[in-house]
Amino acid sequence: MDNLADLSGQVAMLAPIVAAYVGIAKEFRIPSQYYHLISLLIAASFVLAPPTVQQSLTTISIIGLTASGLYHYTKKRENV
Protein backbone atom coordinates (compact mmCIF):
# COMPACT_ATOMS: atom_id res chain seq x y z
CA MET A 1 0.00 0.00 0.00
CA ASP A 2 2.89 2.39 0.70
CA ASN A 3 4.24 1.78 -2.81
CA LEU A 4 0.93 2.93 -4.26
CA ALA A 5 1.06 6.14 -2.22
CA ASP A 6 4.67 6.72 -3.31
CA LEU A 7 3.74 6.16 -6.93
CA SER A 8 0.80 8.54 -6.84
CA GLY A 9 3.02 11.17 -5.18
CA GLN A 10 5.61 10.77 -7.93
CA VAL A 11 2.97 11.06 -10.62
CA ALA A 12 1.54 14.18 -9.01
CA MET A 13 5.00 15.74 -8.98
CA LEU A 14 6.19 14.61 -12.43
CA ALA A 15 3.04 15.33 -14.44
CA PRO A 16 3.46 19.14 -14.28
CA ILE A 17 7.17 18.80 -15.04
CA VAL A 18 6.43 16.76 -18.17
CA ALA A 19 3.73 19.25 -19.15
CA ALA A 20 6.23 22.10 -18.76
CA TYR A 21 8.69 20.36 -21.07
CA VAL A 22 5.95 19.91 -23.66
CA GLY A 23 5.29 23.64 -23.28
CA ILE A 24 8.92 24.25 -24.14
CA ALA A 25 8.51 22.07 -27.24
CA LYS A 26 5.58 24.29 -28.24
CA GLU A 27 7.80 27.36 -27.94
CA PHE A 28 10.17 25.75 -30.44
CA ARG A 29 7.20 25.30 -32.80
CA ILE A 30 7.48 21.53 -32.87
CA PRO A 31 4.39 20.18 -34.66
CA SER A 32 1.57 19.26 -32.27
CA GLN A 33 1.44 15.72 -33.62
CA TYR A 34 4.65 15.03 -31.68
CA TYR A 35 3.53 16.33 -28.28
CA HIS A 36 2.30 12.93 -27.10
CA LEU A 37 5.53 11.24 -28.13
CA ILE A 38 7.61 13.96 -26.45
CA SER A 39 5.65 13.61 -23.21
CA LEU A 40 6.07 9.82 -23.23
CA LEU A 41 9.81 10.08 -23.85
CA ILE A 42 10.28 12.62 -21.08
CA ALA A 43 8.17 10.56 -18.66
CA ALA A 44 10.12 7.42 -19.58
CA SER A 45 13.43 9.18 -18.93
CA PHE A 46 12.26 9.98 -15.39
CA VAL A 47 10.64 6.62 -14.62
CA LEU A 48 13.31 4.36 -16.10
CA ALA A 49 16.28 6.17 -14.56
CA PRO A 50 17.81 4.88 -11.33
CA PRO A 51 16.45 6.57 -8.16
CA THR A 52 19.46 8.84 -7.65
CA VAL A 53 19.30 9.99 -11.28
CA GLN A 54 15.53 10.51 -10.91
CA GLN A 55 16.15 12.79 -7.95
CA SER A 56 18.76 14.77 -9.84
CA LEU A 57 16.59 15.09 -12.95
CA THR A 58 13.66 16.24 -10.84
CA THR A 59 15.74 18.82 -8.98
CA ILE A 60 17.32 20.13 -12.18
CA SER A 61 13.92 20.32 -13.85
CA ILE A 62 12.25 22.17 -11.00
CA ILE A 63 15.08 24.69 -10.69
CA GLY A 64 15.49 25.19 -14.44
CA LEU A 65 11.80 25.39 -15.28
CA THR A 66 11.10 27.72 -12.38
CA ALA A 67 13.97 30.00 -13.31
CA SER A 68 12.99 30.13 -16.97
CA GLY A 69 9.36 30.77 -16.07
CA LEU A 70 10.30 33.57 -13.75
CA TYR A 71 12.56 35.07 -16.38
CA HIS A 72 9.81 34.82 -18.98
CA TYR A 73 7.36 36.76 -16.82
CA THR A 74 9.80 39.32 -15.44
CA LYS A 75 11.79 40.27 -18.53
CA LYS A 76 11.01 43.62 -20.08
CA ARG A 77 8.47 43.36 -22.85
CA GLU A 78 9.47 44.96 -26.11
CA ASN A 79 5.96 45.57 -27.47
CA VAL A 80 4.62 47.45 -24.45
C-alpha atoms as a PDB file:
ATOM      1  CA  MET A   1       0.000   0.000   0.000  1.00  0.00           C
ATOM      2  CA  ASP A   2       2.888   2.391   0.697  1.00  0.00           C
ATOM      3  CA  ASN A   3       4.240   1.782  -2.806  1.00  0.00           C
ATOM      4  CA  LEU A   4       0.925   2.931  -4.263  1.00  0.00           C
ATOM      5  CA  ALA A   5       1.061   6.142  -2.224  1.00  0.00           C
ATOM      6  CA  ASP A   6       4.675   6.720  -3.307  1.00  0.00           C
ATOM      7  CA  LEU A   7       3.737   6.157  -6.935  1.00  0.00           C
ATOM      8  CA  SER A   8       0.801   8.544  -6.836  1.00  0.00           C
ATOM      9  CA  GLY A   9       3.020  11.166  -5.185  1.00  0.00           C
ATOM     10  CA  GLN A  10       5.615  10.771  -7.927  1.00  0.00           C
ATOM     11  CA  VAL A  11       2.967  11.057 -10.625  1.00  0.00           C
ATOM     12  CA  ALA A  12       1.538  14.181  -9.015  1.00  0.00           C
ATOM     13  CA  MET A  13       5.004  15.741  -8.980  1.00  0.00           C
ATOM     14  CA  LEU A  14       6.191  14.611 -12.429  1.00  0.00           C
ATOM     15  CA  ALA A  15       3.041  15.332 -14.441  1.00  0.00           C
ATOM     16  CA  PRO A  16       3.463  19.137 -14.281  1.00  0.00           C
ATOM     17  CA  ILE A  17       7.171  18.799 -15.044  1.00  0.00           C
ATOM     18  CA  VAL A  18       6.433  16.759 -18.166  1.00  0.00           C
ATOM     19  CA  ALA A  19       3.725  19.252 -19.153  1.00  0.00           C
ATOM     20  CA  ALA A  20       6.229  22.096 -18.760  1.00  0.00           C
ATOM     21  CA  TYR A  21       8.687  20.363 -21.066  1.00  0.00           C
ATOM     22  CA  VAL A  22       5.949  19.908 -23.663  1.00  0.00           C
ATOM     23  CA  GLY A  23       5.287  23.639 -23.282  1.00  0.00           C
ATOM     24  CA  ILE A  24       8.922  24.250 -24.138  1.00  0.00           C
ATOM     25  CA  ALA A  25       8.507  22.070 -27.244  1.00  0.00           C
ATOM     26  CA  LYS A  26       5.578  24.291 -28.240  1.00  0.00           C
ATOM     27  CA  GLU A  27       7.798  27.359 -27.937  1.00  0.00           C
ATOM     28  CA  PHE A  28      10.170  25.755 -30.444  1.00  0.00           C
ATOM     29  CA  ARG A  29       7.198  25.298 -32.798  1.00  0.00           C
ATOM     30  CA  ILE A  30       7.475  21.531 -32.871  1.00  0.00           C
ATOM     31  CA  PRO A  31       4.392  20.180 -34.656  1.00  0.00           C
ATOM     32  CA  SER A  32       1.575  19.261 -32.272  1.00  0.00           C
ATOM     33  CA  GLN A  33       1.440  15.721 -33.618  1.00  0.00           C
ATOM     34  CA  TYR A  34       4.653  15.032 -31.685  1.00  0.00           C
ATOM     35  CA  TYR A  35       3.525  16.333 -28.279  1.00  0.00           C
ATOM     36  CA  HIS A  36       2.303  12.933 -27.102  1.00  0.00           C
ATOM     37  CA  LEU A  37       5.535  11.244 -28.131  1.00  0.00           C
ATOM     38  CA  ILE A  38       7.608  13.964 -26.446  1.00  0.00           C
ATOM     39  CA  SER A  39       5.650  13.612 -23.205  1.00  0.00           C
ATOM     40  CA  LEU A  40       6.068   9.824 -23.232  1.00  0.00           C
ATOM     41  CA  LEU A  41       9.812  10.076 -23.853  1.00  0.00           C
ATOM     42  CA  ILE A  42      10.276  12.619 -21.075  1.00  0.00           C
ATOM     43  CA  ALA A  43       8.169  10.557 -18.658  1.00  0.00           C
ATOM     44  CA  ALA A  44      10.120   7.424 -19.580  1.00  0.00           C
ATOM     45  CA  SER A  45      13.427   9.180 -18.926  1.00  0.00           C
ATOM     46  CA  PHE A  46      12.258   9.981 -15.389  1.00  0.00           C
ATOM     47  CA  VAL A  47      10.644   6.623 -14.623  1.00  0.00           C
ATOM     48  CA  LEU A  48      13.313   4.356 -16.104  1.00  0.00           C
ATOM     49  CA  ALA A  49      16.282   6.174 -14.562  1.00  0.00           C
ATOM     50  CA  PRO A  50      17.810   4.881 -11.328  1.00  0.00           C
ATOM     51  CA  PRO A  51      16.455   6.567  -8.165  1.00  0.00           C
ATOM     52  CA  THR A  52      19.458   8.844  -7.654  1.00  0.00           C
ATOM     53  CA  VAL A  53      19.300   9.990 -11.279  1.00  0.00           C
ATOM     54  CA  GLN A  54      15.531  10.515 -10.913  1.00  0.00           C
ATOM     55  CA  GLN A  55      16.147  12.795  -7.947  1.00  0.00           C
ATOM     56  CA  SER A  56      18.763  14.767  -9.839  1.00  0.00           C
ATOM     57  CA  LEU A  57      16.589  15.088 -12.947  1.00  0.00           C
ATOM     58  CA  THR A  58      13.656  16.244 -10.842  1.00  0.00           C
ATOM     59  CA  THR A  59      15.735  18.816  -8.980  1.00  0.00           C
ATOM     60  CA  ILE A  60      17.324  20.128 -12.180  1.00  0.00           C
ATOM     61  CA  SER A  61      13.921  20.320 -13.846  1.00  0.00           C
ATOM     62  CA  ILE A  62      12.254  22.172 -10.995  1.00  0.00           C
ATOM     63  CA  ILE A  63      15.085  24.691 -10.693  1.00  0.00           C
ATOM     64  CA  GLY A  64      15.487  25.185 -14.442  1.00  0.00           C
ATOM     65  CA  LEU A  65      11.797  25.387 -15.275  1.00  0.00           C
ATOM     66  CA  THR A  66      11.095  27.721 -12.377  1.00  0.00           C
ATOM     67  CA  ALA A  67      13.972  29.999 -13.310  1.00  0.00           C
ATOM     68  CA  SER A  68      12.993  30.128 -16.969  1.00  0.00           C
ATOM     69  CA  GLY A  69       9.364  30.765 -16.065  1.00  0.00           C
ATOM     70  CA  LEU A  70      10.298  33.573 -13.748  1.00  0.00           C
ATOM     71  CA  TYR A  71      12.561  35.066 -16.378  1.00  0.00           C
ATOM     72  CA  HIS A  72       9.806  34.823 -18.982  1.00  0.00           C
ATOM     73  CA  TYR A  73       7.358  36.756 -16.820  1.00  0.00           C
ATOM     74  CA  THR A  74       9.802  39.315 -15.439  1.00  0.00           C
ATOM     75  CA  LYS A  75      11.795  40.268 -18.530  1.00  0.00           C
ATOM     76  CA  LYS A  76      11.012  43.625 -20.080  1.00  0.00           C
ATOM     77  CA  ARG A  77       8.468  43.365 -22.849  1.00  0.00           C
ATOM     78  CA  GLU A  78       9.472  44.960 -26.109  1.00  0.00           C
ATOM     79  CA  ASN A  79       5.956  45.566 -27.469  1.00  0.00           C
ATOM     80  CA  VAL A  80       4.621  47.453 -24.447  1.00  0.00           C
END
